[in-house]
């Protein structure tokens, strides 16, 4: 009979803030499991046999100002390309066959050394003029974009200077 009394005393001792935090931690997840209907599926296969061979070609096919979810299904493989989702290509669901099976990769760098980047730090920042802006393997500028079951990789390389070889 002592247990309910002990529980009651413990609750009274907890501060209201601590009790609120405890209730927030114990509440069910707020992740939405709602499913939005996909209006169209576009398939990408690097070896052919699909709608497109490259991811960028599939993205370019999405109508400008799109208002319906379009799935771009990328079949298993390694796709070596730079991909940009422009600002006017909304509602794209990019889906691979698994992050271990499907990857988009590219080898690009900023064409600028760290000294150049550090000298620019006091200037007004504009992301499009950054030396690294165009070096991204995958760039999303549009709203309403989802990627799942796909990997994004950067294969950067370092040029060996003549001085370091001697």
C-alpha atoms as a PDB file:
ATOM      1  CA  UNK A   1       0.000   0.000   0.000  1.00  0.00           C
ATOM      2  CA  UNK A   2       2.995   2.305   0.355  1.00  0.00           C
ATOM      3  CA  UNK A   3       3.812   2.351  -3.399  1.00  0.00           C
ATOM      4  CA  UNK A   4       0.980   4.691  -4.567  1.00  0.00           C
ATOM      5  CA  UNK A   5       1.819   7.123  -1.776  1.00  0.00           C
ATOM      6  CA  UNK A   6       5.509   7.053  -2.731  1.00  0.00           C
ATOM      7  CA  UNK A   7       4.667   7.688  -6.399  1.00  0.00           C
ATOM      8  CA  UNK A   8       2.409  10.599  -5.457  1.00  0.00           C
ATOM      9  CA  UNK A   9       5.098  12.179  -3.288  1.00  0.00           C
ATOM     10  CA  UNK A  10       7.672  11.793  -6.035  1.00  0.00           C
ATOM     11  CA  UNK A  11       5.458  13.574  -8.561  1.00  0.00           C
ATOM     12  CA  UNK A  12       4.863  16.457  -6.157  1.00  0.00           C
ATOM     13  CA  UNK A  13       8.594  16.890  -5.687  1.00  0.00           C
ATOM     14  CA  UNK A  14       9.305  17.142  -9.408  1.00  0.00           C
ATOM     15  CA  UNK A  15       9.332  20.683 -10.621  1.00  0.00           C
ATOM     16  CA  UNK A  16       6.738  21.574 -13.276  1.00  0.00           C
ATOM     17  CA  UNK A  17       9.494  22.191 -15.806  1.00  0.00           C
ATOM     18  CA  UNK A  18      11.084  18.813 -15.191  1.00  0.00           C
ATOM     19  CA  UNK A  19       7.689  17.146 -15.450  1.00  0.00           C
ATOM     20  CA  UNK A  20       7.041  18.854 -18.790  1.00  0.00           C
ATOM     21  CA  UNK A  21      10.415  17.705 -20.091  1.00  0.00           C
ATOM     22  CA  UNK A  22       9.695  14.167 -18.958  1.00  0.00           C
ATOM     23  CA  UNK A  23       6.314  14.198 -20.705  1.00  0.00           C
ATOM     24  CA  UNK A  24       7.899  15.541 -23.901  1.00  0.00           C
ATOM     25  CA  UNK A  25      10.454  12.749 -23.880  1.00  0.00           C
ATOM     26  CA  UNK A  26       7.820  10.082 -23.290  1.00  0.00           C
ATOM     27  CA  UNK A  27       5.350  11.278 -25.905  1.00  0.00           C
ATOM     28  CA  UNK A  28       5.010   9.436 -29.198  1.00  0.00           C
ATOM     29  CA  UNK A  29       7.241  10.534 -32.052  1.00  0.00           C
ATOM     30  CA  UNK A  30       6.112  13.500 -34.132  1.00  0.00           C
ATOM     31  CA  UNK A  31       7.465  12.016 -37.329  1.00  0.00           C
ATOM     32  CA  UNK A  32       4.779  11.991 -39.948  1.00  0.00           C
ATOM     33  CA  UNK A  33       4.033   8.693 -41.600  1.00  0.00           C
ATOM     34  CA  UNK A  34       1.651  10.282 -44.068  1.00  0.00           C
ATOM     35  CA  UNK A  35       2.117   9.075 -47.597  1.00  0.00           C
ATOM     36  CA  UNK A  36       1.904  11.619 -50.383  1.00  0.00           C
ATOM     37  CA  UNK A  37       0.704  10.140 -53.657  1.00  0.00           C
ATOM     38  CA  UNK A  38       3.306   9.986 -56.415  1.00  0.00           C
ATOM     39  CA  UNK A  39       1.910  11.251 -59.714  1.00  0.00           C
ATOM     40  CA  UNK A  40       4.621   9.811 -61.955  1.00  0.00           C
ATOM     41  CA  UNK A  41       7.689   7.597 -61.752  1.00  0.00           C
ATOM     42  CA  UNK A  42      10.721   8.193 -63.945  1.00  0.00           C
ATOM     43  CA  UNK A  43      13.360   5.456 -64.061  1.00  0.00           C
ATOM     44  CA  UNK A  44      17.112   5.923 -64.494  1.00  0.00           C
ATOM     45  CA  UNK A  45      19.425   3.085 -65.507  1.00  0.00           C
ATOM     46  CA  UNK A  46      23.001   3.788 -66.540  1.00  0.00           C
ATOM     47  CA  UNK A  47      23.123   0.711 -68.755  1.00  0.00           C
ATOM     48  CA  UNK A  48      19.928   1.574 -70.641  1.00  0.00           C
ATOM     49  CA  UNK A  49      16.546  -0.090 -70.512  1.00  0.00           C
ATOM     50  CA  UNK A  50      14.908   2.783 -68.610  1.00  0.00           C
ATOM     51  CA  UNK A  51      13.511   6.239 -69.291  1.00  0.00           C
ATOM     52  CA  UNK A  52      16.930   7.907 -68.906  1.00  0.00           C
ATOM     53  CA  UNK A  53      20.598   6.960 -68.561  1.00  0.00           C
ATOM     54  CA  UNK A  54      21.559   9.884 -66.270  1.00  0.00           C
ATOM     55  CA  UNK A  55      19.997  11.368 -63.162  1.00  0.00           C
ATOM     56  CA  UNK A  56      20.391  14.924 -64.509  1.00  0.00           C
ATOM     57  CA  UNK A  57      18.425  14.028 -67.656  1.00  0.00           C
ATOM     58  CA  UNK A  58      15.592  12.728 -65.462  1.00  0.00           C
ATOM     59  CA  UNK A  59      15.648  15.901 -63.350  1.00  0.00           C
ATOM     60  CA  UNK A  60      15.578  18.044 -66.493  1.00  0.00           C
ATOM     61  CA  UNK A  61      12.478  16.125 -67.641  1.00  0.00           C
ATOM     62  CA  UNK A  62      10.480  17.235 -64.560  1.00  0.00           C
ATOM     63  CA  UNK A  63       8.240  20.145 -65.642  1.00  0.00           C
ATOM     64  CA  UNK A  64       9.133  23.625 -64.402  1.00  0.00           C
ATOM     65  CA  UNK A  65       6.856  24.736 -61.550  1.00  0.00           C
ATOM     66  CA  UNK A  66       5.778  21.146 -60.905  1.00  0.00           C
ATOM     67  CA  UNK A  67       3.171  20.764 -58.114  1.00  0.00           C
ATOM     68  CA  UNK A  68       2.862  16.952 -57.917  1.00  0.00           C
ATOM     69  CA  UNK A  69       5.322  14.475 -56.438  1.00  0.00           C
ATOM     70  CA  UNK A  70       7.460  12.831 -59.090  1.00  0.00           C
ATOM     71  CA  UNK A  71       9.575   9.834 -58.162  1.00  0.00           C
ATOM     72  CA  UNK A  72      12.912   9.473 -59.900  1.00  0.00           C
ATOM     73  CA  UNK A  73      13.875   5.853 -59.312  1.00  0.00           C
ATOM     74  CA  UNK A  74      17.614   5.329 -59.831  1.00  0.00           C
ATOM     75  CA  UNK A  75      18.462   1.689 -60.430  1.00  0.00           C
ATOM     76  CA  UNK A  76      21.444  -0.024 -58.843  1.00  0.00           C
ATOM     77  CA  UNK A  77      24.813   1.276 -60.015  1.00  0.00           C
ATOM     78  CA  UNK A  78      27.377   4.023 -59.690  1.00  0.00           C
ATOM     79  CA  UNK A  79      26.484   7.210 -61.538  1.00  0.00           C
ATOM     80  CA  UNK A  80      29.471   9.520 -62.122  1.00  0.00           C
ATOM     81  CA  UNK A  81      27.864  12.895 -62.762  1.00  0.00           C
ATOM     82  CA  UNK A  82      27.144  16.261 -61.224  1.00  0.00           C
ATOM     83  CA  UNK A  83      23.450  16.777 -60.527  1.00  0.00           C
ATOM     84  CA  UNK A  84      21.638  20.040 -59.853  1.00  0.00           C
ATOM     85  CA  UNK A  85      17.984  20.343 -58.888  1.00  0.00           C
ATOM     86  CA  UNK A  86      17.103  23.901 -60.025  1.00  0.00           C
ATOM     87  CA  UNK A  87      14.864  26.204 -57.999  1.00  0.00           C
ATOM     88  CA  UNK A  88      11.844  25.665 -60.281  1.00  0.00           C
ATOM     89  CA  UNK A  89      11.845  21.819 -60.109  1.00  0.00           C
ATOM     90  CA  UNK A  90       9.715  21.144 -57.012  1.00  0.00           C
ATOM     91  CA  UNK A  91       8.312  17.910 -55.511  1.00  0.00           C
ATOM     92  CA  UNK A  92      11.026  15.454 -56.482  1.00  0.00           C
ATOM     93  CA  UNK A  93      11.478  12.159 -54.658  1.00  0.00           C
ATOM     94  CA  UNK A  94      14.862  10.694 -55.597  1.00  0.00           C
ATOM     95  CA  UNK A  95      14.956   7.020 -54.723  1.00  0.00           C
ATOM     96  CA  UNK A  96      17.705   4.454 -55.195  1.00  0.00           C
ATOM     97  CA  UNK A  97      17.870   0.685 -54.811  1.00  0.00           C
ATOM     98  CA  UNK A  98      19.737   1.052 -51.512  1.00  0.00           C
ATOM     99  CA  UNK A  99      22.552   3.249 -50.255  1.00  0.00           C
ATOM    100  CA  UNK A 100      25.053   0.375 -50.668  1.00  0.00           C
ATOM    101  CA  UNK A 101      23.877  -0.334 -54.218  1.00  0.00           C
ATOM    102  CA  UNK A 102      23.098   3.075 -55.718  1.00  0.00           C
ATOM    103  CA  UNK A 103      25.467   6.056 -55.624  1.00  0.00           C
ATOM    104  CA  UNK A 104      25.947   9.385 -57.353  1.00  0.00           C
ATOM    105  CA  UNK A 105      29.568  10.487 -57.334  1.00  0.00           C
ATOM    106  CA  UNK A 106      31.857  12.982 -58.989  1.00  0.00           C
ATOM    107  CA  UNK A 107      35.440  14.168 -58.647  1.00  0.00           C
ATOM    108  CA  UNK A 108      35.461  17.954 -58.463  1.00  0.00           C
ATOM    109  CA  UNK A 109      37.257  20.581 -56.423  1.00  0.00           C
ATOM    110  CA  UNK A 110      37.112  24.323 -55.928  1.00  0.00           C
ATOM    111  CA  UNK A 111      40.075  25.280 -58.152  1.00  0.00           C
ATOM    112  CA  UNK A 112      41.217  27.478 -55.293  1.00  0.00           C
ATOM    113  CA  UNK A 113      43.611  26.887 -52.464  1.00  0.00           C
ATOM    114  CA  UNK A 114      42.844  27.429 -48.803  1.00  0.00           C
ATOM    115  CA  UNK A 115      44.726  30.753 -48.876  1.00  0.00           C
ATOM    116  CA  UNK A 116      42.334  32.080 -51.516  1.00  0.00           C
ATOM    117  CA  UNK A 117      39.298  30.949 -49.532  1.00  0.00           C
ATOM    118  CA  UNK A 118      40.582  32.471 -46.280  1.00  0.00           C
ATOM    119  CA  UNK A 119      41.314  35.838 -47.941  1.00  0.00           C
ATOM    120  CA  UNK A 120      37.648  36.016 -48.995  1.00  0.00           C
ATOM    121  CA  UNK A 121      36.267  35.647 -45.471  1.00  0.00           C
ATOM    122  CA  UNK A 122      35.822  39.393 -44.883  1.00  0.00           C
ATOM    123  CA  UNK A 123      33.958  40.019 -48.114  1.00  0.00           C
ATOM    124  CA  UNK A 124      30.214  39.839 -48.321  1.00  0.00           C
ATOM    125  CA  UNK A 125      29.249  36.195 -48.479  1.00  0.00           C
ATOM    126  CA  UNK A 126      27.401  35.075 -51.572  1.00  0.00           C
ATOM    127  CA  UNK A 127      27.128  31.322 -51.929  1.00  0.00           C
ATOM    128  CA  UNK A 128      27.068  31.401 -55.742  1.00  0.00           C
ATOM    129  CA  UNK A 129      30.436  33.189 -55.900  1.00  0.00           C
ATOM    130  CA  UNK A 130      32.127  30.811 -53.487  1.00  0.00           C
ATOM    131  CA  UNK A 131      34.902  28.798 -55.120  1.00  0.00           C
ATOM    132  CA  UNK A 132      33.304  25.624 -53.734  1.00  0.00           C
ATOM    133  CA  UNK A 133      29.762  26.322 -54.968  1.00  0.00           C
ATOM    134  CA  UNK A 134      30.182  24.619 -58.336  1.00  0.00           C
ATOM    135  CA  UNK A 135      32.262  21.749 -56.946  1.00  0.00           C
ATOM    136  CA  UNK A 136      29.338  19.953 -55.287  1.00  0.00           C
ATOM    137  CA  UNK A 137      28.438  16.522 -56.589  1.00  0.00           C
ATOM    138  CA  UNK A 138      24.744  17.037 -55.812  1.00  0.00           C
ATOM    139  CA  UNK A 139      23.071  20.427 -55.402  1.00  0.00           C
ATOM    140  CA  UNK A 140      19.434  21.013 -54.422  1.00  0.00           C
ATOM    141  CA  UNK A 141      18.096  24.522 -54.918  1.00  0.00           C
ATOM    142  CA  UNK A 142      14.393  23.607 -55.098  1.00  0.00           C
ATOM    143  CA  UNK A 143      11.827  23.204 -52.345  1.00  0.00           C
ATOM    144  CA  UNK A 144      10.126  19.893 -51.553  1.00  0.00           C
ATOM    145  CA  UNK A 145      12.947  17.473 -52.293  1.00  0.00           C
ATOM    146  CA  UNK A 146      13.378  14.050 -50.679  1.00  0.00           C
ATOM    147  CA  UNK A 147      16.176  11.525 -51.240  1.00  0.00           C
ATOM    148  CA  UNK A 148      16.186   8.009 -49.865  1.00  0.00           C
ATOM    149  CA  UNK A 149      18.071   4.760 -50.345  1.00  0.00           C
ATOM    150  CA  UNK A 150      20.853   6.450 -52.310  1.00  0.00           C
ATOM    151  CA  UNK A 151      24.413   7.536 -51.499  1.00  0.00           C
ATOM    152  CA  UNK A 152      26.155  10.757 -52.512  1.00  0.00           C
ATOM    153  CA  UNK A 153      29.936  10.629 -52.809  1.00  0.00           C
ATOM    154  CA  UNK A 154      32.685  13.092 -53.596  1.00  0.00           C
ATOM    155  CA  UNK A 155      35.887  11.711 -55.035  1.00  0.00           C
ATOM    156  CA  UNK A 156      38.164  14.696 -54.569  1.00  0.00           C
ATOM    157  CA  UNK A 157      41.720  14.459 -55.707  1.00  0.00           C
ATOM    158  CA  UNK A 158      44.778  16.493 -54.815  1.00  0.00           C
ATOM    159  CA  UNK A 159      47.077  17.661 -57.562  1.00  0.00           C
ATOM    160  CA  UNK A 160      50.710  16.959 -56.874  1.00  0.00           C
ATOM    161  CA  UNK A 161      52.830  20.021 -57.425  1.00  0.00           C
ATOM    162  CA  UNK A 162      56.245  19.930 -59.096  1.00  0.00           C
ATOM    163  CA  UNK A 163      57.933  21.033 -55.836  1.00  0.00           C
ATOM    164  CA  UNK A 164      56.522  18.156 -53.799  1.00  0.00           C
ATOM    165  CA  UNK A 165      57.840  15.587 -56.321  1.00  0.00           C
ATOM    166  CA  UNK A 166      61.479  16.702 -56.066  1.00  0.00           C
END
